[in-house]
Amino acid sequence: MKEQHGFTLIEILVSITILAIIIIAFIPMFTQAAIHNRVNGESLRTNEAAQVVASKFETLSDIQKIIGNTSTLAECSSQQALETVSLPKNEVVGGTPYQSKVTLCKYNENNVTGLIQAEFEVQNSENTPVTRGTAIKFLINKEETDVQTP
């Protein structure tokens, strides 16, 4: 009698069952990865939108045209509450509207003077959860013409 090579039906069913148990054990990991990927993607898009909004303001006078006088700015390192001003129009970046705010303060740290720190914050309230992104930009203050560095 010839010896037969191959698998029996029971061996195949046992191997499929073991494989199914292993796959089922890893499904939660894949769903968590998909959730984290979506949240991180939203966060990245919001931070990119903040960079786009910040790039529209090259000088302090560009901001002053929109929000008015900036002569009474607090220093960034002070304990005073810094004033945050909403920008008048929503910025649309990549087809998504973002509400924008800017916080300005005088940057006088480490012997650096004559700079204004502008922190732009954008918020996308259309998605759940609400995402916020920030971008910080330094602008030359024309009132203090000499920017000094150490």
C-alpha atoms as a PDB file:
ATOM      1  CA  MET A   1       0.000   0.000   0.000  1.00  0.00           C
ATOM      2  CA  LYS A   2       1.230   3.455  -0.923  1.00  0.00           C
ATOM      3  CA  GLU A   3       1.863   6.006   1.801  1.00  0.00           C
ATOM      4  CA  GLN A   4      -0.319   9.097   1.298  1.00  0.00           C
ATOM      5  CA  HIS A   5       0.953  12.607   1.879  1.00  0.00           C
ATOM      6  CA  GLY A   6      -1.339  15.444   2.884  1.00  0.00           C
ATOM      7  CA  PHE A   7      -3.458  16.783   5.682  1.00  0.00           C
ATOM      8  CA  THR A   8      -6.615  15.340   7.074  1.00  0.00           C
ATOM      9  CA  LEU A   9      -9.772  17.400   7.413  1.00  0.00           C
ATOM     10  CA  ILE A  10      -9.358  17.529  11.190  1.00  0.00           C
ATOM     11  CA  GLU A  11      -5.803  18.887  10.944  1.00  0.00           C
ATOM     12  CA  ILE A  12      -6.963  21.643   8.595  1.00  0.00           C
ATOM     13  CA  LEU A  13      -9.902  22.574  10.859  1.00  0.00           C
ATOM     14  CA  VAL A  14      -7.645  22.716  13.936  1.00  0.00           C
ATOM     15  CA  SER A  15      -5.119  24.963  12.167  1.00  0.00           C
ATOM     16  CA  ILE A  16      -7.898  27.294  10.917  1.00  0.00           C
ATOM     17  CA  THR A  17      -9.310  27.505  14.455  1.00  0.00           C
ATOM     18  CA  ILE A  18      -5.914  28.395  15.933  1.00  0.00           C
ATOM     19  CA  LEU A  19      -5.356  31.011  13.231  1.00  0.00           C
ATOM     20  CA  ALA A  20      -8.810  32.530  13.884  1.00  0.00           C
ATOM     21  CA  ILE A  21      -8.086  32.787  17.628  1.00  0.00           C
ATOM     22  CA  ILE A  22      -4.799  34.581  16.942  1.00  0.00           C
ATOM     23  CA  ILE A  23      -6.460  37.021  14.492  1.00  0.00           C
ATOM     24  CA  ILE A  24      -9.300  37.775  16.922  1.00  0.00           C
ATOM     25  CA  ALA A  25      -6.738  38.546  19.635  1.00  0.00           C
ATOM     26  CA  PHE A  26      -5.108  41.208  17.414  1.00  0.00           C
ATOM     27  CA  ILE A  27      -8.297  42.941  16.170  1.00  0.00           C
ATOM     28  CA  PRO A  28      -8.483  45.398  19.130  1.00  0.00           C
ATOM     29  CA  MET A  29      -4.929  46.489  18.409  1.00  0.00           C
ATOM     30  CA  PHE A  30      -5.841  47.362  14.809  1.00  0.00           C
ATOM     31  CA  THR A  31      -8.957  49.301  15.823  1.00  0.00           C
ATOM     32  CA  GLN A  32      -6.983  51.277  18.428  1.00  0.00           C
ATOM     33  CA  ALA A  33      -4.323  52.038  15.821  1.00  0.00           C
ATOM     34  CA  ALA A  34      -7.002  53.319  13.429  1.00  0.00           C
ATOM     35  CA  ILE A  35      -8.490  55.571  16.133  1.00  0.00           C
ATOM     36  CA  HIS A  36      -5.093  56.996  17.081  1.00  0.00           C
ATOM     37  CA  ASN A  37      -4.252  57.529  13.427  1.00  0.00           C
ATOM     38  CA  ARG A  38      -7.447  59.571  12.906  1.00  0.00           C
ATOM     39  CA  VAL A  39      -6.889  61.697  16.034  1.00  0.00           C
ATOM     40  CA  ASN A  40      -3.226  62.328  15.186  1.00  0.00           C
ATOM     41  CA  GLY A  41      -4.162  63.213  11.612  1.00  0.00           C
ATOM     42  CA  GLU A  42      -6.671  65.795  12.860  1.00  0.00           C
ATOM     43  CA  SER A  43      -4.081  67.229  15.224  1.00  0.00           C
ATOM     44  CA  LEU A  44      -1.524  67.459  12.433  1.00  0.00           C
ATOM     45  CA  ARG A  45      -3.998  69.175  10.077  1.00  0.00           C
ATOM     46  CA  THR A  46      -4.925  71.688  12.777  1.00  0.00           C
ATOM     47  CA  ASN A  47      -1.270  72.502  13.509  1.00  0.00           C
ATOM     48  CA  GLU A  48      -0.683  72.948   9.771  1.00  0.00           C
ATOM     49  CA  ALA A  49      -3.655  75.339   9.648  1.00  0.00           C
ATOM     50  CA  ALA A  50      -2.094  77.346  12.498  1.00  0.00           C
ATOM     51  CA  GLN A  51       1.145  77.583  10.496  1.00  0.00           C
ATOM     52  CA  VAL A  52      -0.815  78.779   7.437  1.00  0.00           C
ATOM     53  CA  VAL A  53      -2.582  81.470   9.487  1.00  0.00           C
ATOM     54  CA  ALA A  54       0.735  82.583  11.038  1.00  0.00           C
ATOM     55  CA  SER A  55       2.388  82.791   7.626  1.00  0.00           C
ATOM     56  CA  LYS A  56      -0.134  85.448   6.530  1.00  0.00           C
ATOM     57  CA  PHE A  57       1.341  87.903   9.041  1.00  0.00           C
ATOM     58  CA  GLU A  58       4.874  88.904   8.104  1.00  0.00           C
ATOM     59  CA  THR A  59       5.203  92.050  10.201  1.00  0.00           C
ATOM     60  CA  LEU A  60       3.679  93.506  13.328  1.00  0.00           C
ATOM     61  CA  SER A  61       1.919  96.138  11.219  1.00  0.00           C
ATOM     62  CA  ASP A  62       0.033  93.323   9.425  1.00  0.00           C
ATOM     63  CA  ILE A  63      -1.450  92.308  12.764  1.00  0.00           C
ATOM     64  CA  GLN A  64      -2.032  95.908  13.841  1.00  0.00           C
ATOM     65  CA  LYS A  65      -4.172  96.484  10.730  1.00  0.00           C
ATOM     66  CA  ILE A  66      -6.543  93.835  12.031  1.00  0.00           C
ATOM     67  CA  ILE A  67      -6.485  94.130  15.826  1.00  0.00           C
ATOM     68  CA  GLY A  68      -5.446  97.759  16.331  1.00  0.00           C
ATOM     69  CA  ASN A  69      -2.903  99.260  18.719  1.00  0.00           C
ATOM     70  CA  THR A  70      -0.313  96.948  20.259  1.00  0.00           C
ATOM     71  CA  SER A  71       1.611  99.508  22.312  1.00  0.00           C
ATOM     72  CA  THR A  72       0.357  98.210  25.673  1.00  0.00           C
ATOM     73  CA  LEU A  73       1.549  94.640  25.358  1.00  0.00           C
ATOM     74  CA  ALA A  74       2.601  92.745  28.461  1.00  0.00           C
ATOM     75  CA  GLU A  75       5.896  90.923  28.606  1.00  0.00           C
ATOM     76  CA  CYS A  76       5.739  87.222  27.819  1.00  0.00           C
ATOM     77  CA  SER A  77       7.526  86.282  31.039  1.00  0.00           C
ATOM     78  CA  SER A  78       5.245  88.371  33.260  1.00  0.00           C
ATOM     79  CA  GLN A  79       2.540  86.865  35.391  1.00  0.00           C
ATOM     80  CA  GLN A  80      -0.086  89.153  33.848  1.00  0.00           C
ATOM     81  CA  ALA A  81      -2.840  87.549  31.860  1.00  0.00           C
ATOM     82  CA  LEU A  82      -1.981  87.981  28.211  1.00  0.00           C
ATOM     83  CA  GLU A  83      -4.726  89.353  25.997  1.00  0.00           C
ATOM     84  CA  THR A  84      -5.963  87.037  23.284  1.00  0.00           C
ATOM     85  CA  VAL A  85      -7.733  88.569  20.298  1.00  0.00           C
ATOM     86  CA  SER A  86      -9.911  86.648  17.861  1.00  0.00           C
ATOM     87  CA  LEU A  87      -9.116  87.286  14.224  1.00  0.00           C
ATOM     88  CA  PRO A  88     -12.179  88.662  12.456  1.00  0.00           C
ATOM     89  CA  LYS A  89     -12.683  86.024   9.815  1.00  0.00           C
ATOM     90  CA  ASN A  90     -12.460  82.264   9.838  1.00  0.00           C
ATOM     91  CA  GLU A  91      -9.565  80.937   7.819  1.00  0.00           C
ATOM     92  CA  VAL A  92     -10.316  78.130   5.402  1.00  0.00           C
ATOM     93  CA  VAL A  93      -7.414  75.722   5.040  1.00  0.00           C
ATOM     94  CA  GLY A  94      -7.834  72.610   2.947  1.00  0.00           C
ATOM     95  CA  GLY A  95     -11.569  73.193   2.706  1.00  0.00           C
ATOM     96  CA  THR A  96     -12.011  73.288   6.494  1.00  0.00           C
ATOM     97  CA  PRO A  97     -12.897  76.529   8.310  1.00  0.00           C
ATOM     98  CA  TYR A  98     -10.856  77.354  11.404  1.00  0.00           C
ATOM     99  CA  GLN A  99     -11.573  79.937  14.093  1.00  0.00           C
ATOM    100  CA  SER A 100      -8.349  81.867  14.719  1.00  0.00           C
ATOM    101  CA  LYS A 101      -6.985  83.783  17.705  1.00  0.00           C
ATOM    102  CA  VAL A 102      -3.690  85.531  18.322  1.00  0.00           C
ATOM    103  CA  THR A 103      -1.944  86.303  21.598  1.00  0.00           C
ATOM    104  CA  LEU A 104       0.746  88.985  21.495  1.00  0.00           C
ATOM    105  CA  CYS A 105       3.402  89.793  24.070  1.00  0.00           C
ATOM    106  CA  LYS A 106       6.800  91.501  24.230  1.00  0.00           C
ATOM    107  CA  TYR A 107       9.598  88.971  24.112  1.00  0.00           C
ATOM    108  CA  ASN A 108      12.375  90.194  26.394  1.00  0.00           C
ATOM    109  CA  GLU A 109      14.241  87.115  27.489  1.00  0.00           C
ATOM    110  CA  ASN A 110      17.892  86.100  27.386  1.00  0.00           C
ATOM    111  CA  ASN A 111      19.007  89.648  26.467  1.00  0.00           C
ATOM    112  CA  VAL A 112      16.819  89.648  23.345  1.00  0.00           C
ATOM    113  CA  THR A 113      14.734  92.805  22.943  1.00  0.00           C
ATOM    114  CA  GLY A 114      12.640  94.332  20.198  1.00  0.00           C
ATOM    115  CA  LEU A 115      10.625  91.246  19.348  1.00  0.00           C
ATOM    116  CA  ILE A 116       6.920  90.546  19.635  1.00  0.00           C
ATOM    117  CA  GLN A 117       5.856  86.953  20.178  1.00  0.00           C
ATOM    118  CA  ALA A 118       2.647  86.125  18.340  1.00  0.00           C
ATOM    119  CA  GLU A 119       1.022  82.834  19.280  1.00  0.00           C
ATOM    120  CA  PHE A 120      -1.641  81.830  16.798  1.00  0.00           C
ATOM    121  CA  GLU A 121      -4.275  79.345  17.896  1.00  0.00           C
ATOM    122  CA  VAL A 122      -6.754  77.798  15.514  1.00  0.00           C
ATOM    123  CA  GLN A 123      -9.702  75.630  16.409  1.00  0.00           C
ATOM    124  CA  ASN A 124     -11.708  73.291  14.263  1.00  0.00           C
ATOM    125  CA  SER A 125     -15.072  72.813  15.910  1.00  0.00           C
ATOM    126  CA  GLU A 126     -16.639  70.884  13.045  1.00  0.00           C
ATOM    127  CA  ASN A 127     -14.981  67.615  13.987  1.00  0.00           C
ATOM    128  CA  THR A 128     -15.415  65.621  17.147  1.00  0.00           C
ATOM    129  CA  PRO A 129     -13.322  65.877  19.201  1.00  0.00           C
ATOM    130  CA  VAL A 130     -12.617  69.603  18.778  1.00  0.00           C
ATOM    131  CA  THR A 131      -8.990  70.048  17.758  1.00  0.00           C
ATOM    132  CA  ARG A 132      -6.712  72.992  18.437  1.00  0.00           C
ATOM    133  CA  GLY A 133      -3.404  73.846  16.853  1.00  0.00           C
ATOM    134  CA  THR A 134      -0.824  76.485  17.682  1.00  0.00           C
ATOM    135  CA  ALA A 135       2.001  78.240  15.905  1.00  0.00           C
ATOM    136  CA  ILE A 136       4.403  80.771  17.394  1.00  0.00           C
ATOM    137  CA  LYS A 137       5.983  83.506  15.322  1.00  0.00           C
ATOM    138  CA  PHE A 138       8.361  86.292  16.305  1.00  0.00           C
ATOM    139  CA  LEU A 139       7.867  89.724  14.736  1.00  0.00           C
ATOM    140  CA  ILE A 140      10.159  92.749  14.858  1.00  0.00           C
ATOM    141  CA  ASN A 141       8.773  95.607  16.908  1.00  0.00           C
ATOM    142  CA  LYS A 142       9.410  98.818  14.936  1.00  0.00           C
ATOM    143  CA  GLU A 143       9.021 100.886  18.141  1.00  0.00           C
ATOM    144  CA  GLU A 144      12.143  99.202  19.493  1.00  0.00           C
ATOM    145  CA  THR A 145      14.172  99.328  16.327  1.00  0.00           C
ATOM    146  CA  ASP A 146      17.334  97.689  17.581  1.00  0.00           C
ATOM    147  CA  VAL A 147      16.896  93.965  17.935  1.00  0.00           C
ATOM    148  CA  GLN A 148      19.699  92.890  20.195  1.00  0.00           C
ATOM    149  CA  THR A 149      20.861  89.362  20.686  1.00  0.00           C
ATOM    150  CA  PRO A 150      23.492  88.095  23.109  1.00  0.00           C
END
